[in-house]
C-alpha atoms as a PDB file:
ATOM      1  CA  PHE A   1       0.000   0.000   0.000  1.00  0.00           C
ATOM      2  CA  GLY A   2       1.366   3.420  -0.844  1.00  0.00           C
ATOM      3  CA  GLY A   3       0.370   6.995  -1.483  1.00  0.00           C
ATOM      4  CA  SER A   4       2.235   9.812  -3.171  1.00  0.00           C
ATOM      5  CA  TRP A   5       5.946   9.186  -2.648  1.00  0.00           C
ATOM      6  CA  GLY A   6       5.035   5.874  -0.968  1.00  0.00           C
ATOM      7  CA  ALA A   7       3.421   4.802  -4.243  1.00  0.00           C
ATOM      8  CA  THR A   8       6.705   5.498  -6.028  1.00  0.00           C
ATOM      9  CA  LEU A   9       8.612   3.413  -3.487  1.00  0.00           C
ATOM     10  CA  SER A  10       6.024   0.636  -3.809  1.00  0.00           C
ATOM     11  CA  LEU A  11       6.419   0.563  -7.583  1.00  0.00           C
ATOM     12  CA  CYS A  12      10.217   0.435  -7.300  1.00  0.00           C
ATOM     13  CA  TYR A  13       9.983  -2.407  -4.793  1.00  0.00           C
ATOM     14  CA  ALA A  14       7.569  -4.345  -7.001  1.00  0.00           C
ATOM     15  CA  GLN A  15       9.897  -3.988  -9.971  1.00  0.00           C
ATOM     16  CA  LYS A  16      12.901  -5.201  -7.991  1.00  0.00           C
ATOM     17  CA  TYR A  17      11.117  -8.006  -6.102  1.00  0.00           C
ATOM     18  CA  PRO A  18       8.123  -9.067  -8.230  1.00  0.00           C
ATOM     19  CA  GLU A  19       8.082 -12.485  -6.586  1.00  0.00           C
ATOM     20  CA  ARG A  20       7.290 -10.810  -3.232  1.00  0.00           C
ATOM     21  CA  VAL A  21       4.343  -8.736  -4.473  1.00  0.00           C
ATOM     22  CA  ILE A  22       0.903 -10.220  -5.040  1.00  0.00           C
ATOM     23  CA  ARG A  23      -1.129  -6.999  -5.199  1.00  0.00           C
ATOM     24  CA  MET A  24      -0.636  -3.310  -4.669  1.00  0.00           C
ATOM     25  CA  ILE A  25      -2.954  -0.498  -3.662  1.00  0.00           C
ATOM     26  CA  LEU A  26      -1.630   2.830  -4.859  1.00  0.00           C
ATOM     27  CA  ARG A  27      -3.185   6.261  -4.460  1.00  0.00           C
ATOM     28  CA  GLY A  28      -2.098   9.738  -5.446  1.00  0.00           C
ATOM     29  CA  VAL A  29       0.884   8.405  -7.395  1.00  0.00           C
ATOM     30  CA  PHE A  30       3.796  10.847  -7.565  1.00  0.00           C
ATOM     31  CA  LEU A  31       6.604   9.457  -9.707  1.00  0.00           C
ATOM     32  CA  ALA A  32       9.025  12.341  -9.111  1.00  0.00           C
ATOM     33  CA  ARG A  33       9.880  12.589 -12.785  1.00  0.00           C
ATOM     34  CA  GLU A  34      11.296  15.899 -13.979  1.00  0.00           C
ATOM     35  CA  ARG A  35       7.935  16.851 -15.491  1.00  0.00           C
ATOM     36  CA  ASP A  36       6.120  15.951 -12.250  1.00  0.00           C
ATOM     37  CA  LEU A  37       8.486  18.093 -10.187  1.00  0.00           C
ATOM     38  CA  ARG A  38       8.163  20.949 -12.691  1.00  0.00           C
ATOM     39  CA  TRP A  39       4.344  20.756 -12.594  1.00  0.00           C
ATOM     40  CA  PHE A  40       4.187  20.716  -8.788  1.00  0.00           C
ATOM     41  CA  TYR A  41       6.981  23.168  -7.985  1.00  0.00           C
ATOM     42  CA  GLN A  42       7.220  25.466 -10.984  1.00  0.00           C
ATOM     43  CA  GLU A  43       4.217  25.781 -13.238  1.00  0.00           C
ATOM     44  CA  GLY A  44       1.070  23.727 -13.231  1.00  0.00           C
ATOM     45  CA  ALA A  45      -0.214  23.422  -9.689  1.00  0.00           C
ATOM     46  CA  SER A  46       0.485  27.146  -9.386  1.00  0.00           C
ATOM     47  CA  LEU A  47      -2.287  27.742 -11.931  1.00  0.00           C
ATOM     48  CA  VAL A  48      -4.729  25.459 -10.098  1.00  0.00           C
ATOM     49  CA  PHE A  49      -4.057  26.972  -6.656  1.00  0.00           C
ATOM     50  CA  PRO A  50      -2.822  30.523  -7.322  1.00  0.00           C
ATOM     51  CA  ASP A  51      -3.531  31.819  -3.798  1.00  0.00           C
ATOM     52  CA  TYR A  52      -1.618  28.981  -2.119  1.00  0.00           C
ATOM     53  CA  TRP A  53       1.161  29.319  -4.697  1.00  0.00           C
ATOM     54  CA  GLU A  54       1.635  33.017  -3.935  1.00  0.00           C
ATOM     55  CA  GLU A  55       1.940  32.229  -0.232  1.00  0.00           C
ATOM     56  CA  PHE A  56       4.404  29.418  -1.015  1.00  0.00           C
ATOM     57  CA  VAL A  57       6.756  31.582  -3.072  1.00  0.00           C
ATOM     58  CA  SER A  58       6.266  34.819  -1.143  1.00  0.00           C
ATOM     59  CA  SER A  59       9.607  34.490   0.636  1.00  0.00           C
ATOM     60  CA  ILE A  60      11.535  33.768  -2.566  1.00  0.00           C
ATOM     61  CA  PRO A  61      12.780  36.835  -4.471  1.00  0.00           C
ATOM     62  CA  GLU A  62      11.460  37.186  -8.038  1.00  0.00           C
ATOM     63  CA  GLU A  63      14.947  36.645  -9.508  1.00  0.00           C
ATOM     64  CA  GLU A  64      15.114  33.156  -7.925  1.00  0.00           C
ATOM     65  CA  ARG A  65      11.657  31.946  -8.901  1.00  0.00           C
ATOM     66  CA  ASP A  66      12.796  30.311 -12.138  1.00  0.00           C
ATOM     67  CA  ASP A  67      13.998  27.375  -9.979  1.00  0.00           C
ATOM     68  CA  ILE A  68      11.851  27.118  -6.847  1.00  0.00           C
ATOM     69  CA  ILE A  69      13.310  23.793  -5.712  1.00  0.00           C
ATOM     70  CA  SER A  70      16.863  25.158  -5.709  1.00  0.00           C
ATOM     71  CA  ALA A  71      15.759  28.372  -4.008  1.00  0.00           C
ATOM     72  CA  PHE A  72      14.152  26.415  -1.174  1.00  0.00           C
ATOM     73  CA  HIS A  73      17.076  24.015  -0.982  1.00  0.00           C
ATOM     74  CA  ARG A  74      19.465  26.914  -0.370  1.00  0.00           C
ATOM     75  CA  ARG A  75      17.289  28.173   2.457  1.00  0.00           C
ATOM     76  CA  LEU A  76      16.608  24.772   3.998  1.00  0.00           C
ATOM     77  CA  THR A  77      20.304  23.852   4.074  1.00  0.00           C
ATOM     78  CA  GLY A  78      21.732  27.261   4.939  1.00  0.00           C
ATOM     79  CA  GLU A  79      23.200  28.438   8.228  1.00  0.00           C
ATOM     80  CA  ASP A  80      20.351  30.790   9.200  1.00  0.00           C
ATOM     81  CA  GLU A  81      18.076  28.788  11.523  1.00  0.00           C
ATOM     82  CA  LEU A  82      15.248  31.301  11.281  1.00  0.00           C
ATOM     83  CA  ALA A  83      15.353  31.182   7.475  1.00  0.00           C
ATOM     84  CA  LYS A  84      15.335  27.363   7.621  1.00  0.00           C
ATOM     85  CA  MET A  85      12.237  27.319   9.791  1.00  0.00           C
ATOM     86  CA  HIS A  86      10.489  29.902   7.618  1.00  0.00           C
ATOM     87  CA  ALA A  87      11.271  27.939   4.435  1.00  0.00           C
ATOM     88  CA  ALA A  88      10.253  24.644   6.048  1.00  0.00           C
ATOM     89  CA  LYS A  89       6.915  26.122   7.090  1.00  0.00           C
ATOM     90  CA  HIS A  90       6.167  27.424   3.579  1.00  0.00           C
ATOM     91  CA  TRP A  91       7.305  24.156   1.982  1.00  0.00           C
ATOM     92  CA  SER A  92       5.159  21.998   4.266  1.00  0.00           C
ATOM     93  CA  LEU A  93       2.076  24.196   3.802  1.00  0.00           C
ATOM     94  CA  TRP A  94       2.439  23.924   0.017  1.00  0.00           C
ATOM     95  CA  GLU A  95       2.939  20.156   0.250  1.00  0.00           C
ATOM     96  CA  GLY A  96      -0.197  19.879   2.379  1.00  0.00           C
END
């Protein structure tokens, strides 16, 4: 059983160990392909949920918004603890 990223892991497991899998229940499959990441974190979901998107990217300067994943990565792995927490909050709200 898997959902979202868990569905991806389930599919990988089933491919590697097909003899151990009888059935699978998958929901909300997220394959994490480049196009999936681009749709969710760059342009696609932003058009479906524009209000949430604006809140998500509000802390990212315009000049960094061409690569939202990298912009968040810099903040989430930086030295500034306050910036990390702020970025983590925005990231988790968008994910939710």
